[in-house]
Amino acid sequence: MTKQIVQVPNLDGLLLLRELNHRVDNELTCTICTVSANAIRSDNAAVKAALLDVVDLLHQWADVHRALRMPDQKRLTDVAKYLQQLCFTVTKYRLERLAIRVLFSGDDLLLEGERCWKVGLIVSELLTNAGRHAQFDGRHPELRVELLLAGDIVRCRVSDNGSASEPFGRGEGLGVIGELASNLGGRVHTTCAAEGSSFLLTFPLTHTEQRAAAATHVVLFKRRKMRRPRP
């Protein structure tokens, strides 16, 4: 991975975010321990099984929380790897129980930590919305997350093969998505049809990210050249 030093923005905001993450981690750990202890003490098999199911759900929720942490601000982050892990944890926590599978594909791409995190927040919200609202009408439920670099523009698409259960509207979640996209210097394009819905996030690379993308392109080009069979 290409490593470059980037400027750390808004130290006060980062400190508050770290404190919030720390508190959430502590509360999750405390809750998991409490429910686990009650499960162990219970003599009722049905109650014990139900409490252990809650423990598993809390562990999965904690995994999503960890996957959504803001990456290191001092280095660029492999956004494809970040999103792949996020898709895995969201699937385990929410979508697997609905028999919805998630397919991920992504180009090699490095983003500044805070910007990578904002892309992750958008993808997480879109996956959650699709799992909550899409109607698959007998089709095998499927969500796709695709990350593509086209020149200096990042294109991240979240799509499903279901139909919306109600007319498309702008709720609080989609409002947050719009604000995050705007903060990235981009926007979200929405397409809703009977055969599925698609949300396309597009935004430009920063100068630092452009330099990293150019360096990555050179490395990949050299690797492909070395792998070509000699005549």
C-alpha atoms as a PDB file:
ATOM      1  CA  MET A   1       0.000   0.000   0.000  1.00  0.00           C
ATOM      2  CA  THR A   2       1.232   3.485  -0.819  1.00  0.00           C
ATOM      3  CA  LYS A   3       1.630   5.496   2.368  1.00  0.00           C
ATOM      4  CA  GLN A   4       1.544   9.277   2.376  1.00  0.00           C
ATOM      5  CA  ILE A   5       1.319  11.746   5.197  1.00  0.00           C
ATOM      6  CA  VAL A   6      -1.816  13.878   5.161  1.00  0.00           C
ATOM      7  CA  GLN A   7      -2.848  16.880   7.205  1.00  0.00           C
ATOM      8  CA  VAL A   8      -4.878  16.090  10.323  1.00  0.00           C
ATOM      9  CA  PRO A   9      -8.065  18.203  10.350  1.00  0.00           C
ATOM     10  CA  ASN A  10     -10.119  19.419  13.306  1.00  0.00           C
ATOM     11  CA  LEU A  11      -8.273  17.884  16.255  1.00  0.00           C
ATOM     12  CA  ASP A  12     -11.031  18.868  18.704  1.00  0.00           C
ATOM     13  CA  GLY A  13     -13.622  17.040  16.612  1.00  0.00           C
ATOM     14  CA  LEU A  14     -11.405  13.955  16.392  1.00  0.00           C
ATOM     15  CA  LEU A  15     -10.920  13.950  20.150  1.00  0.00           C
ATOM     16  CA  LEU A  16     -14.682  14.125  20.754  1.00  0.00           C
ATOM     17  CA  LEU A  17     -15.244  11.306  18.262  1.00  0.00           C
ATOM     18  CA  ARG A  18     -12.637   9.133  19.990  1.00  0.00           C
ATOM     19  CA  GLU A  19     -14.324   9.804  23.342  1.00  0.00           C
ATOM     20  CA  LEU A  20     -17.740   8.897  21.900  1.00  0.00           C
ATOM     21  CA  ASN A  21     -16.372   5.663  20.412  1.00  0.00           C
ATOM     22  CA  HIS A  22     -14.744   4.845  23.743  1.00  0.00           C
ATOM     23  CA  ARG A  23     -18.021   5.343  25.610  1.00  0.00           C
ATOM     24  CA  VAL A  24     -20.006   3.257  23.117  1.00  0.00           C
ATOM     25  CA  ASP A  25     -17.406   0.470  23.366  1.00  0.00           C
ATOM     26  CA  ASN A  26     -17.621   0.505  27.161  1.00  0.00           C
ATOM     27  CA  GLU A  27     -21.424   0.452  27.180  1.00  0.00           C
ATOM     28  CA  LEU A  28     -21.542  -2.402  24.662  1.00  0.00           C
ATOM     29  CA  THR A  29     -19.023  -4.415  26.691  1.00  0.00           C
ATOM     30  CA  CYS A  30     -20.961  -3.790  29.900  1.00  0.00           C
ATOM     31  CA  THR A  31     -24.272  -4.773  28.283  1.00  0.00           C
ATOM     32  CA  ILE A  32     -22.811  -7.946  26.767  1.00  0.00           C
ATOM     33  CA  CYS A  33     -21.355  -8.976  30.138  1.00  0.00           C
ATOM     34  CA  THR A  34     -24.668  -8.308  31.936  1.00  0.00           C
ATOM     35  CA  VAL A  35     -26.791 -10.278  29.464  1.00  0.00           C
ATOM     36  CA  SER A  36     -24.237 -13.117  29.377  1.00  0.00           C
ATOM     37  CA  ALA A  37     -24.256 -13.348  33.191  1.00  0.00           C
ATOM     38  CA  ASN A  38     -28.062 -13.524  33.242  1.00  0.00           C
ATOM     39  CA  ALA A  39     -27.983 -16.265  30.593  1.00  0.00           C
ATOM     40  CA  ILE A  40     -25.564 -18.315  32.698  1.00  0.00           C
ATOM     41  CA  ARG A  41     -27.677 -17.905  35.853  1.00  0.00           C
ATOM     42  CA  SER A  42     -30.975 -18.815  34.180  1.00  0.00           C
ATOM     43  CA  ASP A  43     -32.328 -22.344  34.716  1.00  0.00           C
ATOM     44  CA  ASN A  44     -34.865 -21.940  31.904  1.00  0.00           C
ATOM     45  CA  ALA A  45     -33.509 -23.355  28.640  1.00  0.00           C
ATOM     46  CA  ALA A  46     -35.699 -21.110  26.472  1.00  0.00           C
ATOM     47  CA  VAL A  47     -34.694 -17.971  28.389  1.00  0.00           C
ATOM     48  CA  LYS A  48     -31.023 -18.966  28.275  1.00  0.00           C
ATOM     49  CA  ALA A  49     -31.188 -19.500  24.493  1.00  0.00           C
ATOM     50  CA  ALA A  50     -32.975 -16.179  23.949  1.00  0.00           C
ATOM     51  CA  LEU A  51     -30.418 -14.270  26.033  1.00  0.00           C
ATOM     52  CA  LEU A  52     -27.511 -15.914  24.202  1.00  0.00           C
ATOM     53  CA  ASP A  53     -29.113 -14.844  20.899  1.00  0.00           C
ATOM     54  CA  VAL A  54     -29.133 -11.280  22.249  1.00  0.00           C
ATOM     55  CA  VAL A  55     -25.449 -11.627  23.166  1.00  0.00           C
ATOM     56  CA  ASP A  56     -24.631 -12.736  19.612  1.00  0.00           C
ATOM     57  CA  LEU A  57     -26.580  -9.775  18.205  1.00  0.00           C
ATOM     58  CA  LEU A  58     -24.744  -7.341  20.479  1.00  0.00           C
ATOM     59  CA  HIS A  59     -21.385  -8.786  19.411  1.00  0.00           C
ATOM     60  CA  GLN A  60     -22.361  -8.292  15.765  1.00  0.00           C
ATOM     61  CA  TRP A  61     -23.461  -4.731  16.499  1.00  0.00           C
ATOM     62  CA  ALA A  62     -20.102  -4.097  18.157  1.00  0.00           C
ATOM     63  CA  ASP A  63     -18.345  -5.433  15.038  1.00  0.00           C
ATOM     64  CA  VAL A  64     -20.261  -2.929  12.873  1.00  0.00           C
ATOM     65  CA  HIS A  65     -19.343  -0.136  15.267  1.00  0.00           C
ATOM     66  CA  ARG A  66     -15.662  -1.073  15.061  1.00  0.00           C
ATOM     67  CA  ALA A  67     -15.814  -1.376  11.267  1.00  0.00           C
ATOM     68  CA  LEU A  68     -17.208   2.175  11.072  1.00  0.00           C
ATOM     69  CA  ARG A  69     -14.422   3.762  13.087  1.00  0.00           C
ATOM     70  CA  MET A  70     -12.587   6.598  11.410  1.00  0.00           C
ATOM     71  CA  PRO A  71      -9.249   5.326  10.013  1.00  0.00           C
ATOM     72  CA  ASP A  72      -5.870   6.787  10.921  1.00  0.00           C
ATOM     73  CA  GLN A  73      -5.835  10.432   9.872  1.00  0.00           C
ATOM     74  CA  LYS A  74      -2.074  10.470   9.385  1.00  0.00           C
ATOM     75  CA  ARG A  75      -2.114   8.027   6.479  1.00  0.00           C
ATOM     76  CA  LEU A  76      -4.191   7.301   3.433  1.00  0.00           C
ATOM     77  CA  THR A  77      -6.585   4.352   3.756  1.00  0.00           C
ATOM     78  CA  ASP A  78      -7.364   1.474   1.414  1.00  0.00           C
ATOM     79  CA  VAL A  79     -11.055   2.281   0.928  1.00  0.00           C
ATOM     80  CA  ALA A  80     -11.854  -0.986  -0.896  1.00  0.00           C
ATOM     81  CA  LYS A  81     -10.574  -3.014   2.064  1.00  0.00           C
ATOM     82  CA  TYR A  82     -12.426  -0.719   4.483  1.00  0.00           C
ATOM     83  CA  LEU A  83     -15.740  -1.089   2.614  1.00  0.00           C
ATOM     84  CA  GLN A  84     -15.343  -4.845   2.162  1.00  0.00           C
ATOM     85  CA  GLN A  85     -14.995  -5.327   5.917  1.00  0.00           C
ATOM     86  CA  LEU A  86     -17.918  -2.980   6.534  1.00  0.00           C
ATOM     87  CA  CYS A  87     -20.132  -4.911   4.098  1.00  0.00           C
ATOM     88  CA  PHE A  88     -19.218  -8.159   5.849  1.00  0.00           C
ATOM     89  CA  THR A  89     -20.107  -6.873   9.330  1.00  0.00           C
ATOM     90  CA  VAL A  90     -23.369  -5.196   8.231  1.00  0.00           C
ATOM     91  CA  THR A  91     -24.377  -8.428   6.490  1.00  0.00           C
ATOM     92  CA  LYS A  92     -23.707 -10.505   9.621  1.00  0.00           C
ATOM     93  CA  TYR A  93     -25.531  -8.043  11.872  1.00  0.00           C
ATOM     94  CA  ARG A  94     -28.608  -7.186   9.810  1.00  0.00           C
ATOM     95  CA  LEU A  95     -28.879  -8.621   6.293  1.00  0.00           C
ATOM     96  CA  GLU A  96     -28.008 -12.293   6.819  1.00  0.00           C
ATOM     97  CA  ARG A  97     -31.122 -12.762   8.948  1.00  0.00           C
ATOM     98  CA  LEU A  98     -33.166 -11.482   5.989  1.00  0.00           C
ATOM     99  CA  ALA A  99     -31.416 -13.923   3.601  1.00  0.00           C
ATOM    100  CA  ILE A 100     -29.925 -10.952   1.712  1.00  0.00           C
ATOM    101  CA  ARG A 101     -26.450 -11.444   0.288  1.00  0.00           C
ATOM    102  CA  VAL A 102     -24.063  -8.593  -0.464  1.00  0.00           C
ATOM    103  CA  LEU A 103     -21.595  -8.646  -3.364  1.00  0.00           C
ATOM    104  CA  PHE A 104     -18.649  -6.249  -3.250  1.00  0.00           C
ATOM    105  CA  SER A 105     -16.175  -5.222  -5.934  1.00  0.00           C
ATOM    106  CA  GLY A 106     -13.695  -2.376  -5.736  1.00  0.00           C
ATOM    107  CA  ASP A 107     -10.771  -0.732  -7.476  1.00  0.00           C
ATOM    108  CA  ASP A 108      -7.489  -0.134  -5.674  1.00  0.00           C
ATOM    109  CA  LEU A 109      -7.978   3.311  -4.167  1.00  0.00           C
ATOM    110  CA  LEU A 110      -6.533   5.309  -1.286  1.00  0.00           C
ATOM    111  CA  LEU A 111      -8.517   8.030   0.464  1.00  0.00           C
ATOM    112  CA  GLU A 112      -7.813  10.351   3.372  1.00  0.00           C
ATOM    113  CA  GLY A 113      -9.033   8.751   6.592  1.00  0.00           C
ATOM    114  CA  GLU A 114     -11.959  11.070   7.320  1.00  0.00           C
ATOM    115  CA  ARG A 115     -13.172  10.914   3.710  1.00  0.00           C
ATOM    116  CA  CYS A 116     -12.954   7.105   3.692  1.00  0.00           C
ATOM    117  CA  TRP A 117     -15.010   7.081   6.909  1.00  0.00           C
ATOM    118  CA  LYS A 118     -17.697   9.290   5.359  1.00  0.00           C
ATOM    119  CA  VAL A 119     -17.961   6.964   2.364  1.00  0.00           C
ATOM    120  CA  GLY A 120     -18.381   4.098   4.831  1.00  0.00           C
ATOM    121  CA  LEU A 121     -21.168   5.927   6.667  1.00  0.00           C
ATOM    122  CA  ILE A 122     -22.994   6.468   3.381  1.00  0.00           C
ATOM    123  CA  VAL A 123     -22.635   2.833   2.302  1.00  0.00           C
ATOM    124  CA  SER A 124     -23.733   1.574   5.722  1.00  0.00           C
ATOM    125  CA  GLU A 125     -26.864   3.734   5.651  1.00  0.00           C
ATOM    126  CA  LEU A 126     -27.746   2.663   2.101  1.00  0.00           C
ATOM    127  CA  LEU A 127     -27.322  -1.041   2.934  1.00  0.00           C
ATOM    128  CA  THR A 128     -29.511  -0.629   6.004  1.00  0.00           C
ATOM    129  CA  ASN A 129     -32.195   1.220   4.027  1.00  0.00           C
ATOM    130  CA  ALA A 130     -32.237  -1.453   1.320  1.00  0.00           C
ATOM    131  CA  GLY A 131     -32.609  -4.211   3.890  1.00  0.00           C
ATOM    132  CA  ARG A 132     -35.438  -2.330   5.589  1.00  0.00           C
ATOM    133  CA  HIS A 133     -37.465  -1.118   2.600  1.00  0.00           C
ATOM    134  CA  ALA A 134     -36.778  -3.263  -0.488  1.00  0.00           C
ATOM    135  CA  GLN A 135     -39.338  -5.909  -1.505  1.00  0.00           C
ATOM    136  CA  PHE A 136     -37.763  -8.770  -3.477  1.00  0.00           C
ATOM    137  CA  ASP A 137     -41.004 -10.480  -4.585  1.00  0.00           C
ATOM    138  CA  GLY A 138     -39.679 -14.047  -4.720  1.00  0.00           C
ATOM    139  CA  ARG A 139     -36.310 -13.093  -6.199  1.00  0.00           C
ATOM    140  CA  HIS A 140     -33.097 -14.084  -4.420  1.00  0.00           C
ATOM    141  CA  PRO A 141     -32.350 -10.908  -2.411  1.00  0.00           C
ATOM    142  CA  GLU A 142     -29.080  -9.341  -3.500  1.00  0.00           C
ATOM    143  CA  LEU A 143     -27.268  -6.079  -2.853  1.00  0.00           C
ATOM    144  CA  ARG A 144     -24.225  -4.896  -4.764  1.00  0.00           C
ATOM    145  CA  VAL A 145     -21.574  -2.428  -3.635  1.00  0.00           C
ATOM    146  CA  GLU A 146     -19.236  -1.292  -6.401  1.00  0.00           C
ATOM    147  CA  LEU A 147     -16.286   1.070  -6.056  1.00  0.00           C
ATOM    148  CA  LEU A 148     -14.796   2.471  -9.251  1.00  0.00           C
ATOM    149  CA  LEU A 149     -12.212   5.146  -9.999  1.00  0.00           C
ATOM    150  CA  ALA A 150     -12.885   6.940 -13.301  1.00  0.00           C
ATOM    151  CA  GLY A 151     -10.106   9.456 -13.878  1.00  0.00           C
ATOM    152  CA  ASP A 152     -10.130  11.636 -10.764  1.00  0.00           C
ATOM    153  CA  ILE A 153     -13.749  10.835  -9.899  1.00  0.00           C
ATOM    154  CA  VAL A 154     -14.778   8.144  -7.424  1.00  0.00           C
ATOM    155  CA  ARG A 155     -17.999   6.296  -8.221  1.00  0.00           C
ATOM    156  CA  CYS A 156     -19.502   4.190  -5.427  1.00  0.00           C
ATOM    157  CA  ARG A 157     -22.776   2.440  -6.260  1.00  0.00           C
ATOM    158  CA  VAL A 158     -25.117   0.584  -3.902  1.00  0.00           C
ATOM    159  CA  SER A 159     -27.872  -1.262  -5.760  1.00  0.00           C
ATOM    160  CA  ASP A 160     -30.457  -3.971  -5.112  1.00  0.00           C
ATOM    161  CA  ASN A 161     -32.667  -6.262  -7.182  1.00  0.00           C
ATOM    162  CA  GLY A 162     -35.840  -5.456  -5.247  1.00  0.00           C
ATOM    163  CA  SER A 163     -38.554  -2.842  -5.525  1.00  0.00           C
ATOM    164  CA  ALA A 164     -39.216  -0.087  -3.012  1.00  0.00           C
ATOM    165  CA  SER A 165     -41.987  -0.923  -0.555  1.00  0.00           C
ATOM    166  CA  GLU A 166     -43.204   2.687  -0.725  1.00  0.00           C
ATOM    167  CA  PRO A 167     -42.638   5.728  -2.948  1.00  0.00           C
ATOM    168  CA  PHE A 168     -39.153   7.149  -2.655  1.00  0.00           C
ATOM    169  CA  GLY A 169     -38.968   9.916  -0.079  1.00  0.00           C
ATOM    170  CA  ARG A 170     -36.277  11.974   1.596  1.00  0.00           C
ATOM    171  CA  GLY A 171     -36.128  10.862   5.207  1.00  0.00           C
ATOM    172  CA  GLU A 172     -33.593  11.788   7.873  1.00  0.00           C
ATOM    173  CA  GLY A 173     -31.174   9.052   6.801  1.00  0.00           C
ATOM    174  CA  LEU A 174     -31.133  10.170   3.162  1.00  0.00           C
ATOM    175  CA  GLY A 175     -30.765  13.752   4.329  1.00  0.00           C
ATOM    176  CA  VAL A 176     -27.605  12.778   6.240  1.00  0.00           C
ATOM    177  CA  ILE A 177     -26.341  10.917   3.173  1.00  0.00           C
ATOM    178  CA  GLY A 178     -26.820  14.053   1.086  1.00  0.00           C
ATOM    179  CA  GLU A 179     -24.880  16.148   3.623  1.00  0.00           C
ATOM    180  CA  LEU A 180     -22.028  13.619   3.747  1.00  0.00           C
ATOM    181  CA  ALA A 181     -21.849  13.491  -0.051  1.00  0.00           C
ATOM    182  CA  SER A 182     -21.799  17.285  -0.229  1.00  0.00           C
ATOM    183  CA  ASN A 183     -18.991  17.352   2.344  1.00  0.00           C
ATOM    184  CA  LEU A 184     -17.001  15.055   0.053  1.00  0.00           C
ATOM    185  CA  GLY A 185     -17.551  17.530  -2.754  1.00  0.00           C
ATOM    186  CA  GLY A 186     -19.968  15.212  -4.513  1.00  0.00           C
ATOM    187  CA  ARG A 187     -23.569  14.087  -4.691  1.00  0.00           C
ATOM    188  CA  VAL A 188     -25.779  10.999  -4.707  1.00  0.00           C
ATOM    189  CA  HIS A 189     -27.808  10.099  -7.818  1.00  0.00           C
ATOM    190  CA  THR A 190     -30.883   7.940  -7.154  1.00  0.00           C
ATOM    191  CA  THR A 191     -32.703   5.557  -9.498  1.00  0.00           C
ATOM    192  CA  CYS A 192     -35.759   3.588  -8.348  1.00  0.00           C
ATOM    193  CA  ALA A 193     -37.550   1.078 -10.605  1.00  0.00           C
ATOM    194  CA  ALA A 194     -39.541  -2.142 -10.381  1.00  0.00           C
ATOM    195  CA  GLU A 195     -36.430  -4.217 -11.071  1.00  0.00           C
ATOM    196  CA  GLY A 196     -34.345  -2.534  -8.395  1.00  0.00           C
ATOM    197  CA  SER A 197     -32.975   0.637  -6.859  1.00  0.00           C
ATOM    198  CA  SER A 198     -29.563   2.209  -7.316  1.00  0.00           C
ATOM    199  CA  PHE A 199     -27.744   4.924  -5.374  1.00  0.00           C
ATOM    200  CA  LEU A 200     -24.614   6.299  -7.011  1.00  0.00           C
ATOM    201  CA  LEU A 201     -22.213   8.414  -4.962  1.00  0.00           C
ATOM    202  CA  THR A 202     -19.752  10.442  -7.030  1.00  0.00           C
ATOM    203  CA  PHE A 203     -17.036  12.757  -5.728  1.00  0.00           C
ATOM    204  CA  PRO A 204     -13.602  14.015  -6.824  1.00  0.00           C
ATOM    205  CA  LEU A 205     -10.254  12.995  -5.385  1.00  0.00           C
ATOM    206  CA  THR A 206      -8.215  15.527  -3.443  1.00  0.00           C
ATOM    207  CA  HIS A 207      -4.739  16.445  -4.726  1.00  0.00           C
ATOM    208  CA  THR A 208      -3.149  14.086  -2.189  1.00  0.00           C
ATOM    209  CA  GLU A 209      -5.440  11.252  -3.258  1.00  0.00           C
ATOM    210  CA  GLN A 210      -4.745  11.978  -6.945  1.00  0.00           C
ATOM    211  CA  ARG A 211      -1.000  11.604  -6.366  1.00  0.00           C
ATOM    212  CA  ALA A 212      -1.576   8.326  -4.523  1.00  0.00           C
ATOM    213  CA  ALA A 213      -3.844   7.058  -7.332  1.00  0.00           C
ATOM    214  CA  ALA A 214      -1.175   7.895  -9.925  1.00  0.00           C
ATOM    215  CA  ALA A 215       1.480   6.042  -7.905  1.00  0.00           C
ATOM    216  CA  THR A 216      -0.819   3.030  -7.498  1.00  0.00           C
ATOM    217  CA  HIS A 217      -1.510   3.013 -11.238  1.00  0.00           C
ATOM    218  CA  VAL A 218       2.224   2.894 -11.986  1.00  0.00           C
ATOM    219  CA  VAL A 219       2.743  -0.004  -9.570  1.00  0.00           C
ATOM    220  CA  LEU A 220      -0.175  -1.992 -11.020  1.00  0.00           C
ATOM    221  CA  PHE A 221       1.021  -1.309 -14.573  1.00  0.00           C
ATOM    222  CA  LYS A 222       4.500  -2.644 -13.739  1.00  0.00           C
ATOM    223  CA  ARG A 223       3.009  -5.765 -12.110  1.00  0.00           C
ATOM    224  CA  ARG A 224       0.844  -6.507 -15.147  1.00  0.00           C
ATOM    225  CA  LYS A 225       3.816  -5.971 -17.441  1.00  0.00           C
ATOM    226  CA  MET A 226       5.940  -8.414 -15.424  1.00  0.00           C
ATOM    227  CA  ARG A 227       3.183 -11.056 -15.584  1.00  0.00           C
ATOM    228  CA  ARG A 228       2.853 -10.953 -19.358  1.00  0.00           C
ATOM    229  CA  PRO A 229       4.234 -14.106 -20.989  1.00  0.00           C
ATOM    230  CA  ARG A 230       7.378 -13.514 -23.002  1.00  0.00           C
ATOM    231  CA  PRO A 231       7.185 -14.309 -26.735  1.00  0.00           C
END
